[in-house]
C-alpha atoms as a PDB file:
ATOM      1  CA  UNK A   1       0.000   0.000   0.000  1.00  0.00           C
ATOM      2  CA  UNK A   2       1.503   3.318  -1.086  1.00  0.00           C
ATOM      3  CA  UNK A   3       1.967   6.426   1.083  1.00  0.00           C
ATOM      4  CA  UNK A   4      -0.918   8.253  -0.630  1.00  0.00           C
ATOM      5  CA  UNK A   5      -3.307   5.477   0.330  1.00  0.00           C
ATOM      6  CA  UNK A   6      -2.045   5.608   3.899  1.00  0.00           C
ATOM      7  CA  UNK A   7      -2.658   9.381   3.947  1.00  0.00           C
ATOM      8  CA  UNK A   8      -6.235   8.915   2.693  1.00  0.00           C
ATOM      9  CA  UNK A   9      -6.947   6.284   5.331  1.00  0.00           C
ATOM     10  CA  UNK A  10      -5.486   8.486   8.076  1.00  0.00           C
ATOM     11  CA  UNK A  11      -7.617  11.434   6.955  1.00  0.00           C
ATOM     12  CA  UNK A  12     -10.734   9.232   6.860  1.00  0.00           C
ATOM     13  CA  UNK A  13     -10.010   7.856  10.333  1.00  0.00           C
ATOM     14  CA  UNK A  14      -9.473  11.307  11.851  1.00  0.00           C
ATOM     15  CA  UNK A  15     -12.632  12.651  10.192  1.00  0.00           C
ATOM     16  CA  UNK A  16     -14.662   9.662  11.399  1.00  0.00           C
ATOM     17  CA  UNK A  17     -13.421   9.985  14.963  1.00  0.00           C
ATOM     18  CA  UNK A  18     -14.016  13.756  15.012  1.00  0.00           C
ATOM     19  CA  UNK A  19     -17.334  14.076  13.185  1.00  0.00           C
ATOM     20  CA  UNK A  20     -18.718  10.542  13.424  1.00  0.00           C
ATOM     21  CA  UNK A  21     -17.811   9.745  17.020  1.00  0.00           C
ATOM     22  CA  UNK A  22     -17.505  13.261  18.435  1.00  0.00           C
ATOM     23  CA  UNK A  23     -13.890  12.906  19.592  1.00  0.00           C
ATOM     24  CA  UNK A  24     -12.314  16.359  19.805  1.00  0.00           C
ATOM     25  CA  UNK A  25      -9.042  17.055  18.020  1.00  0.00           C
ATOM     26  CA  UNK A  26      -7.135  17.755  21.237  1.00  0.00           C
ATOM     27  CA  UNK A  27      -8.292  14.414  22.669  1.00  0.00           C
ATOM     28  CA  UNK A  28      -7.150  12.679  19.509  1.00  0.00           C
ATOM     29  CA  UNK A  29      -3.830  14.443  19.930  1.00  0.00           C
ATOM     30  CA  UNK A  30      -3.531  13.006  23.460  1.00  0.00           C
ATOM     31  CA  UNK A  31      -4.484   9.502  22.299  1.00  0.00           C
ATOM     32  CA  UNK A  32      -2.041   9.559  19.393  1.00  0.00           C
ATOM     33  CA  UNK A  33       0.672  10.886  21.674  1.00  0.00           C
ATOM     34  CA  UNK A  34       0.198   7.866  23.936  1.00  0.00           C
ATOM     35  CA  UNK A  35       0.684   5.655  20.878  1.00  0.00           C
ATOM     36  CA  UNK A  36       3.892   7.436  19.963  1.00  0.00           C
ATOM     37  CA  UNK A  37       2.383   9.411  17.072  1.00  0.00           C
ATOM     38  CA  UNK A  38       2.930  13.175  17.573  1.00  0.00           C
ATOM     39  CA  UNK A  39       0.095  14.782  15.601  1.00  0.00           C
ATOM     40  CA  UNK A  40      -1.013  18.220  16.871  1.00  0.00           C
ATOM     41  CA  UNK A  41      -4.683  19.189  16.770  1.00  0.00           C
ATOM     42  CA  UNK A  42      -3.957  21.966  14.258  1.00  0.00           C
ATOM     43  CA  UNK A  43      -2.313  19.458  11.906  1.00  0.00           C
ATOM     44  CA  UNK A  44      -5.292  17.150  12.210  1.00  0.00           C
ATOM     45  CA  UNK A  45      -7.567  20.007  11.159  1.00  0.00           C
ATOM     46  CA  UNK A  46      -5.400  20.690   8.106  1.00  0.00           C
ATOM     47  CA  UNK A  47      -5.585  17.004   7.111  1.00  0.00           C
ATOM     48  CA  UNK A  48      -9.372  16.947   7.434  1.00  0.00           C
ATOM     49  CA  UNK A  49      -9.704  20.264   5.584  1.00  0.00           C
ATOM     50  CA  UNK A  50      -7.808  18.868   2.614  1.00  0.00           C
ATOM     51  CA  UNK A  51      -9.877  15.685   2.617  1.00  0.00           C
ATOM     52  CA  UNK A  52     -13.099  17.716   2.743  1.00  0.00           C
ATOM     53  CA  UNK A  53     -12.359  19.133  -0.694  1.00  0.00           C
ATOM     54  CA  UNK A  54     -12.556  15.603  -2.112  1.00  0.00           C
ATOM     55  CA  UNK A  55     -16.075  14.962  -0.820  1.00  0.00           C
ATOM     56  CA  UNK A  56     -17.579  18.339  -1.741  1.00  0.00           C
ATOM     57  CA  UNK A  57     -19.039  17.040  -5.032  1.00  0.00           C
ATOM     58  CA  UNK A  58     -20.782  14.212  -3.180  1.00  0.00           C
ATOM     59  CA  UNK A  59     -22.210  16.693  -0.680  1.00  0.00           C
ATOM     60  CA  UNK A  60     -23.512  18.808  -3.536  1.00  0.00           C
ATOM     61  CA  UNK A  61     -25.248  15.792  -5.019  1.00  0.00           C
ATOM     62  CA  UNK A  62     -26.915  15.092  -1.677  1.00  0.00           C
ATOM     63  CA  UNK A  63     -28.441  18.576  -1.601  1.00  0.00           C
ATOM     64  CA  UNK A  64     -30.320  18.027  -4.869  1.00  0.00           C
ATOM     65  CA  UNK A  65     -32.381  14.996  -3.733  1.00  0.00           C
ATOM     66  CA  UNK A  66     -32.741  16.486  -0.242  1.00  0.00           C
ATOM     67  CA  UNK A  67     -34.534  19.434  -1.845  1.00  0.00           C
ATOM     68  CA  UNK A  68     -37.263  17.044  -3.024  1.00  0.00           C
ATOM     69  CA  UNK A  69     -38.170  16.000   0.524  1.00  0.00           C
ATOM     70  CA  UNK A  70     -41.643  15.367   1.887  1.00  0.00           C
ATOM     71  CA  UNK A  71     -40.781  16.294   5.493  1.00  0.00           C
ATOM     72  CA  UNK A  72     -37.756  18.213   6.746  1.00  0.00           C
ATOM     73  CA  UNK A  73     -36.535  18.969  10.260  1.00  0.00           C
ATOM     74  CA  UNK A  74     -34.183  21.912  10.686  1.00  0.00           C
ATOM     75  CA  UNK A  75     -32.482  23.712  13.555  1.00  0.00           C
ATOM     76  CA  UNK A  76     -29.363  25.723  14.244  1.00  0.00           C
ATOM     77  CA  UNK A  77     -27.008  26.558  17.093  1.00  0.00           C
ATOM     78  CA  UNK A  78     -24.081  28.846  17.766  1.00  0.00           C
ATOM     79  CA  UNK A  79     -20.618  27.389  17.456  1.00  0.00           C
ATOM     80  CA  UNK A  80     -16.998  28.368  17.852  1.00  0.00           C
ATOM     81  CA  UNK A  81     -14.419  28.026  15.110  1.00  0.00           C
ATOM     82  CA  UNK A  82     -10.765  28.948  15.067  1.00  0.00           C
ATOM     83  CA  UNK A  83     -10.912  30.690  11.719  1.00  0.00           C
ATOM     84  CA  UNK A  84     -13.576  31.628   9.190  1.00  0.00           C
ATOM     85  CA  UNK A  85     -13.255  33.892   6.172  1.00  0.00           C
ATOM     86  CA  UNK A  86     -15.507  36.929   6.481  1.00  0.00           C
ATOM     87  CA  UNK A  87     -16.659  39.454   3.926  1.00  0.00           C
ATOM     88  CA  UNK A  88     -15.971  43.086   4.837  1.00  0.00           C
ATOM     89  CA  UNK A  89     -19.675  43.898   4.420  1.00  0.00           C
ATOM     90  CA  UNK A  90     -20.797  41.099   6.741  1.00  0.00           C
ATOM     91  CA  UNK A  91     -22.231  42.637   9.925  1.00  0.00           C
ATOM     92  CA  UNK A  92     -22.830  39.329  11.686  1.00  0.00           C
ATOM     93  CA  UNK A  93     -20.332  38.370  14.328  1.00  0.00           C
ATOM     94  CA  UNK A  94     -21.690  34.928  15.213  1.00  0.00           C
ATOM     95  CA  UNK A  95     -20.967  31.586  13.611  1.00  0.00           C
ATOM     96  CA  UNK A  96     -23.667  28.939  13.382  1.00  0.00           C
ATOM     97  CA  UNK A  97     -24.115  25.273  12.572  1.00  0.00           C
ATOM     98  CA  UNK A  98     -27.366  24.305  10.869  1.00  0.00           C
ATOM     99  CA  UNK A  99     -28.747  20.800  10.647  1.00  0.00           C
ATOM    100  CA  UNK A 100     -31.375  19.803   8.065  1.00  0.00           C
ATOM    101  CA  UNK A 101     -32.770  16.272   8.040  1.00  0.00           C
ATOM    102  CA  UNK A 102     -34.754  15.674   4.849  1.00  0.00           C
ATOM    103  CA  UNK A 103     -36.945  12.615   4.443  1.00  0.00           C
ATOM    104  CA  UNK A 104     -38.770  11.185   1.451  1.00  0.00           C
ATOM    105  CA  UNK A 105     -40.108   7.853   0.312  1.00  0.00           C
ATOM    106  CA  UNK A 106     -37.625   5.370   1.737  1.00  0.00           C
ATOM    107  CA  UNK A 107     -34.705   7.751   2.266  1.00  0.00           C
ATOM    108  CA  UNK A 108     -33.298  10.180   4.830  1.00  0.00           C
ATOM    109  CA  UNK A 109     -30.521  12.724   4.202  1.00  0.00           C
ATOM    110  CA  UNK A 110     -28.776  14.743   6.933  1.00  0.00           C
ATOM    111  CA  UNK A 111     -27.120  17.980   5.826  1.00  0.00           C
ATOM    112  CA  UNK A 112     -24.933  20.230   7.961  1.00  0.00           C
ATOM    113  CA  UNK A 113     -23.871  23.798   7.229  1.00  0.00           C
ATOM    114  CA  UNK A 114     -21.370  25.856   9.215  1.00  0.00           C
ATOM    115  CA  UNK A 115     -20.942  29.594   8.715  1.00  0.00           C
ATOM    116  CA  UNK A 116     -22.620  32.923   9.327  1.00  0.00           C
ATOM    117  CA  UNK A 117     -25.973  31.941   7.822  1.00  0.00           C
ATOM    118  CA  UNK A 118     -28.909  30.848   9.958  1.00  0.00           C
ATOM    119  CA  UNK A 119     -30.808  27.558   9.615  1.00  0.00           C
ATOM    120  CA  UNK A 120     -33.705  29.166   7.753  1.00  0.00           C
ATOM    121  CA  UNK A 121     -31.360  30.735   5.205  1.00  0.00           C
ATOM    122  CA  UNK A 122     -29.622  27.424   4.587  1.00  0.00           C
ATOM    123  CA  UNK A 123     -32.996  25.718   4.244  1.00  0.00           C
ATOM    124  CA  UNK A 124     -34.028  28.331   1.649  1.00  0.00           C
ATOM    125  CA  UNK A 125     -30.835  27.638  -0.329  1.00  0.00           C
ATOM    126  CA  UNK A 126     -31.629  23.915  -0.379  1.00  0.00           C
ATOM    127  CA  UNK A 127     -35.191  24.578  -1.552  1.00  0.00           C
ATOM    128  CA  UNK A 128     -33.907  26.522  -4.545  1.00  0.00           C
ATOM    129  CA  UNK A 129     -33.101  23.129  -6.079  1.00  0.00           C
ATOM    130  CA  UNK A 130     -36.628  21.823  -5.581  1.00  0.00           C
ATOM    131  CA  UNK A 131     -38.283  20.538  -8.754  1.00  0.00           C
ATOM    132  CA  UNK A 132     -41.324  22.395 -10.051  1.00  0.00           C
ATOM    133  CA  UNK A 133     -44.189  21.743  -9.853  1.00  0.00           C
ATOM    134  CA  UNK A 134     -44.039  19.929  -6.541  1.00  0.00           C
ATOM    135  CA  UNK A 135     -46.325  19.617  -3.535  1.00  0.00           C
ATOM    136  CA  UNK A 136     -45.254  21.756  -0.554  1.00  0.00           C
ATOM    137  CA  UNK A 137     -43.040  19.874   1.917  1.00  0.00           C
ATOM    138  CA  UNK A 138     -43.684  19.901   5.659  1.00  0.00           C
ATOM    139  CA  UNK A 139     -41.027  21.688   7.699  1.00  0.00           C
ATOM    140  CA  UNK A 140     -40.674  20.817  11.376  1.00  0.00           C
ATOM    141  CA  UNK A 141     -38.816  23.303  13.586  1.00  0.00           C
ATOM    142  CA  UNK A 142     -39.214  25.397  16.713  1.00  0.00           C
ATOM    143  CA  UNK A 143     -40.718  28.875  16.537  1.00  0.00           C
ATOM    144  CA  UNK A 144     -37.408  30.755  16.388  1.00  0.00           C
ATOM    145  CA  UNK A 145     -37.592  33.171  13.457  1.00  0.00           C
ATOM    146  CA  UNK A 146     -34.096  32.324  12.216  1.00  0.00           C
ATOM    147  CA  UNK A 147     -35.209  28.717  11.542  1.00  0.00           C
ATOM    148  CA  UNK A 148     -37.941  29.788   9.124  1.00  0.00           C
ATOM    149  CA  UNK A 149     -36.806  30.267   5.515  1.00  0.00           C
ATOM    150  CA  UNK A 150     -37.568  33.252   3.323  1.00  0.00           C
ATOM    151  CA  UNK A 151     -38.674  31.291   0.315  1.00  0.00           C
ATOM    152  CA  UNK A 152     -37.706  31.846  -3.303  1.00  0.00           C
ATOM    153  CA  UNK A 153     -40.512  32.664  -5.716  1.00  0.00           C
ATOM    154  CA  UNK A 154     -42.823  29.772  -6.507  1.00  0.00           C
ATOM    155  CA  UNK A 155     -41.731  27.665  -3.510  1.00  0.00           C
ATOM    156  CA  UNK A 156     -44.103  26.889  -0.660  1.00  0.00           C
ATOM    157  CA  UNK A 157     -43.791  24.935   2.583  1.00  0.00           C
ATOM    158  CA  UNK A 158     -46.196  23.765   5.256  1.00  0.00           C
ATOM    159  CA  UNK A 159     -44.702  25.064   8.497  1.00  0.00           C
ATOM    160  CA  UNK A 160     -45.249  22.762  11.497  1.00  0.00           C
ATOM    161  CA  UNK A 161     -43.846  23.993  14.779  1.00  0.00           C
ATOM    162  CA  UNK A 162     -42.563  21.443  17.271  1.00  0.00           C
ATOM    163  CA  UNK A 163     -45.119  20.364  19.873  1.00  0.00           C
ATOM    164  CA  UNK A 164     -42.340  19.368  22.283  1.00  0.00           C
ATOM    165  CA  UNK A 165     -41.238  23.014  22.531  1.00  0.00           C
ATOM    166  CA  UNK A 166     -44.771  24.019  23.482  1.00  0.00           C
ATOM    167  CA  UNK A 167     -44.975  21.242  26.054  1.00  0.00           C
ATOM    168  CA  UNK A 168     -41.677  22.341  27.578  1.00  0.00           C
ATOM    169  CA  UNK A 169     -43.191  25.712  28.535  1.00  0.00           C
ATOM    170  CA  UNK A 170     -45.665  23.966  30.851  1.00  0.00           C
ATOM    171  CA  UNK A 171     -43.023  21.656  32.301  1.00  0.00           C
ATOM    172  CA  UNK A 172     -41.055  24.743  33.348  1.00  0.00           C
ATOM    173  CA  UNK A 173     -44.146  26.369  34.928  1.00  0.00           C
ATOM    174  CA  UNK A 174     -45.518  23.281  36.717  1.00  0.00           C
ATOM    175  CA  UNK A 175     -43.989  24.150  40.115  1.00  0.00           C
ATOM    176  CA  UNK A 176     -45.995  27.393  40.344  1.00  0.00           C
ATOM    177  CA  UNK A 177     -49.144  26.220  38.542  1.00  0.00           C
ATOM    178  CA  UNK A 178     -49.326  22.481  39.225  1.00  0.00           C
ATOM    179  CA  UNK A 179     -53.028  21.906  38.582  1.00  0.00           C
ATOM    180  CA  UNK A 180     -53.230  23.791  35.309  1.00  0.00           C
ATOM    181  CA  UNK A 181     -49.910  22.541  33.937  1.00  0.00           C
ATOM    182  CA  UNK A 182     -50.601  18.914  34.815  1.00  0.00           C
ATOM    183  CA  UNK A 183     -53.921  19.147  32.987  1.00  0.00           C
ATOM    184  CA  UNK A 184     -52.146  20.381  29.850  1.00  0.00           C
ATOM    185  CA  UNK A 185     -49.433  17.735  30.154  1.00  0.00           C
ATOM    186  CA  UNK A 186     -52.021  14.986  30.541  1.00  0.00           C
ATOM    187  CA  UNK A 187     -53.861  16.189  27.431  1.00  0.00           C
ATOM    188  CA  UNK A 188     -50.602  16.293  25.457  1.00  0.00           C
ATOM    189  CA  UNK A 189     -49.841  12.816  26.782  1.00  0.00           C
ATOM    190  CA  UNK A 190     -52.987  11.633  25.015  1.00  0.00           C
ATOM    191  CA  UNK A 191     -51.745  13.276  21.805  1.00  0.00           C
ATOM    192  CA  UNK A 192     -48.438  11.436  22.030  1.00  0.00           C
ATOM    193  CA  UNK A 193     -50.315   8.228  22.749  1.00  0.00           C
ATOM    194  CA  UNK A 194     -52.331   8.664  19.564  1.00  0.00           C
ATOM    195  CA  UNK A 195     -49.068   9.323  17.702  1.00  0.00           C
ATOM    196  CA  UNK A 196     -47.680   5.992  18.860  1.00  0.00           C
ATOM    197  CA  UNK A 197     -50.913   4.209  17.987  1.00  0.00           C
ATOM    198  CA  UNK A 198     -51.018   5.759  14.508  1.00  0.00           C
ATOM    199  CA  UNK A 199     -47.595   4.305  13.695  1.00  0.00           C
ATOM    200  CA  UNK A 200     -48.785   0.775  14.383  1.00  0.00           C
ATOM    201  CA  UNK A 201     -50.597  -1.540  12.006  1.00  0.00           C
ATOM    202  CA  UNK A 202     -48.960  -0.448   8.773  1.00  0.00           C
ATOM    203  CA  UNK A 203     -51.327   2.451   8.115  1.00  0.00           C
ATOM    204  CA  UNK A 204     -50.829   4.520   4.972  1.00  0.00           C
ATOM    205  CA  UNK A 205     -50.198   8.264   5.204  1.00  0.00           C
ATOM    206  CA  UNK A 206     -53.843   8.951   4.341  1.00  0.00           C
ATOM    207  CA  UNK A 207     -55.041   6.513   7.013  1.00  0.00           C
ATOM    208  CA  UNK A 208     -52.771   8.109   9.615  1.00  0.00           C
ATOM    209  CA  UNK A 209     -54.118  11.547   8.693  1.00  0.00           C
ATOM    210  CA  UNK A 210     -57.726  10.411   9.169  1.00  0.00           C
ATOM    211  CA  UNK A 211     -56.769   8.748  12.449  1.00  0.00           C
ATOM    212  CA  UNK A 212     -55.186  11.957  13.732  1.00  0.00           C
ATOM    213  CA  UNK A 213     -58.138  14.063  12.618  1.00  0.00           C
ATOM    214  CA  UNK A 214     -60.589  11.761  14.381  1.00  0.00           C
ATOM    215  CA  UNK A 215     -58.655  11.026  17.582  1.00  0.00           C
ATOM    216  CA  UNK A 216     -56.104  13.785  18.110  1.00  0.00           C
ATOM    217  CA  UNK A 217     -58.417  16.432  16.703  1.00  0.00           C
ATOM    218  CA  UNK A 218     -60.892  15.990  19.563  1.00  0.00           C
ATOM    219  CA  UNK A 219     -58.168  16.260  22.209  1.00  0.00           C
ATOM    220  CA  UNK A 220     -56.533  19.308  20.649  1.00  0.00           C
ATOM    221  CA  UNK A 221     -59.855  21.090  20.128  1.00  0.00           C
ATOM    222  CA  UNK A 222     -60.685  20.552  23.788  1.00  0.00           C
ATOM    223  CA  UNK A 223     -57.241  21.740  24.874  1.00  0.00           C
ATOM    224  CA  UNK A 224     -57.413  24.783  22.599  1.00  0.00           C
ATOM    225  CA  UNK A 225     -60.742  25.820  24.119  1.00  0.00           C
ATOM    226  CA  UNK A 226     -59.351  25.409  27.642  1.00  0.00           C
ATOM    227  CA  UNK A 227     -56.277  27.504  26.825  1.00  0.00           C
ATOM    228  CA  UNK A 228     -58.337  30.347  25.355  1.00  0.00           C
ATOM    229  CA  UNK A 229     -60.709  30.268  28.328  1.00  0.00           C
ATOM    230  CA  UNK A 230     -57.837  30.956  30.746  1.00  0.00           C
ATOM    231  CA  UNK A 231     -57.513  34.447  29.266  1.00  0.00           C
ATOM    232  CA  UNK A 232     -61.127  35.047  28.259  1.00  0.00           C
ATOM    233  CA  UNK A 233     -62.386  34.247  31.771  1.00  0.00           C
ATOM    234  CA  UNK A 234     -59.437  36.006  33.462  1.00  0.00           C
ATOM    235  CA  UNK A 235     -58.270  32.841  35.181  1.00  0.00           C
ATOM    236  CA  UNK A 236     -54.630  33.424  34.238  1.00  0.00           C
ATOM    237  CA  UNK A 237     -52.575  36.574  33.818  1.00  0.00           C
ATOM    238  CA  UNK A 238     -50.869  36.814  30.418  1.00  0.00           C
ATOM    239  CA  UNK A 239     -47.525  37.797  32.007  1.00  0.00           C
ATOM    240  CA  UNK A 240     -47.444  34.934  34.501  1.00  0.00           C
ATOM    241  CA  UNK A 241     -45.386  31.807  33.846  1.00  0.00           C
ATOM    242  CA  UNK A 242     -48.550  29.932  32.912  1.00  0.00           C
ATOM    243  CA  UNK A 243     -49.786  32.815  30.768  1.00  0.00           C
ATOM    244  CA  UNK A 244     -46.554  32.905  28.794  1.00  0.00           C
ATOM    245  CA  UNK A 245     -46.745  29.143  28.225  1.00  0.00           C
ATOM    246  CA  UNK A 246     -50.333  29.468  26.983  1.00  0.00           C
ATOM    247  CA  UNK A 247     -49.423  32.399  24.734  1.00  0.00           C
ATOM    248  CA  UNK A 248     -46.570  30.425  23.175  1.00  0.00           C
ATOM    249  CA  UNK A 249     -48.826  27.496  22.273  1.00  0.00           C
ATOM    250  CA  UNK A 250     -51.706  29.646  20.991  1.00  0.00           C
ATOM    251  CA  UNK A 251     -49.377  31.835  18.933  1.00  0.00           C
ATOM    252  CA  UNK A 252     -47.571  28.934  17.269  1.00  0.00           C
END
């Protein structure tokens, strides 16, 4: 085996340990040092950076089918990098990592973007490669504005905010409003129970939709009426912890 092949295998191993197994470069440096292989973290980054150029075409080809998804989940978070080229006109100071998981009939593609763009902007870039005409995909995300794409002309999505984020508001308020919050959590527990039931029995997408409309619809309609009544009947102040949780769910 020639030296070039050894270099490729080393680059693949470092990349797998760093990005596949989550082992930080400085920890790899310590491990390799114990094995008698002095390889600084900065050198490891340079090796991976060079190898990344080889897989860029494959990444580009993944974006095209990912744009044809039926359901996509996207989110973003701040990150730290040692160095990132920046345009002089760029007013943003933060750096972000966006994750987009696109799913279609029998496939799932995970895309990651690192840079100064937010998750919604990266999602909009992916959707630019969506075939036309095409039915609008469902996008699952939290209610943070930076996760929602500004869509190119002719592209539509069905925006579905994450129910778990709404539920979390009541979990955080349960200590001060135990009766009200436990009622909401029990109702949402029924919703999750119907979700689990809908996945059983090999139902088609249309059958699952009817199931949700018939079973979940009743629970959510009842919960929606209860939430609105808390304000309409002045049972809850809008600025209280419970009021803020209710506002979040009703607004999104």
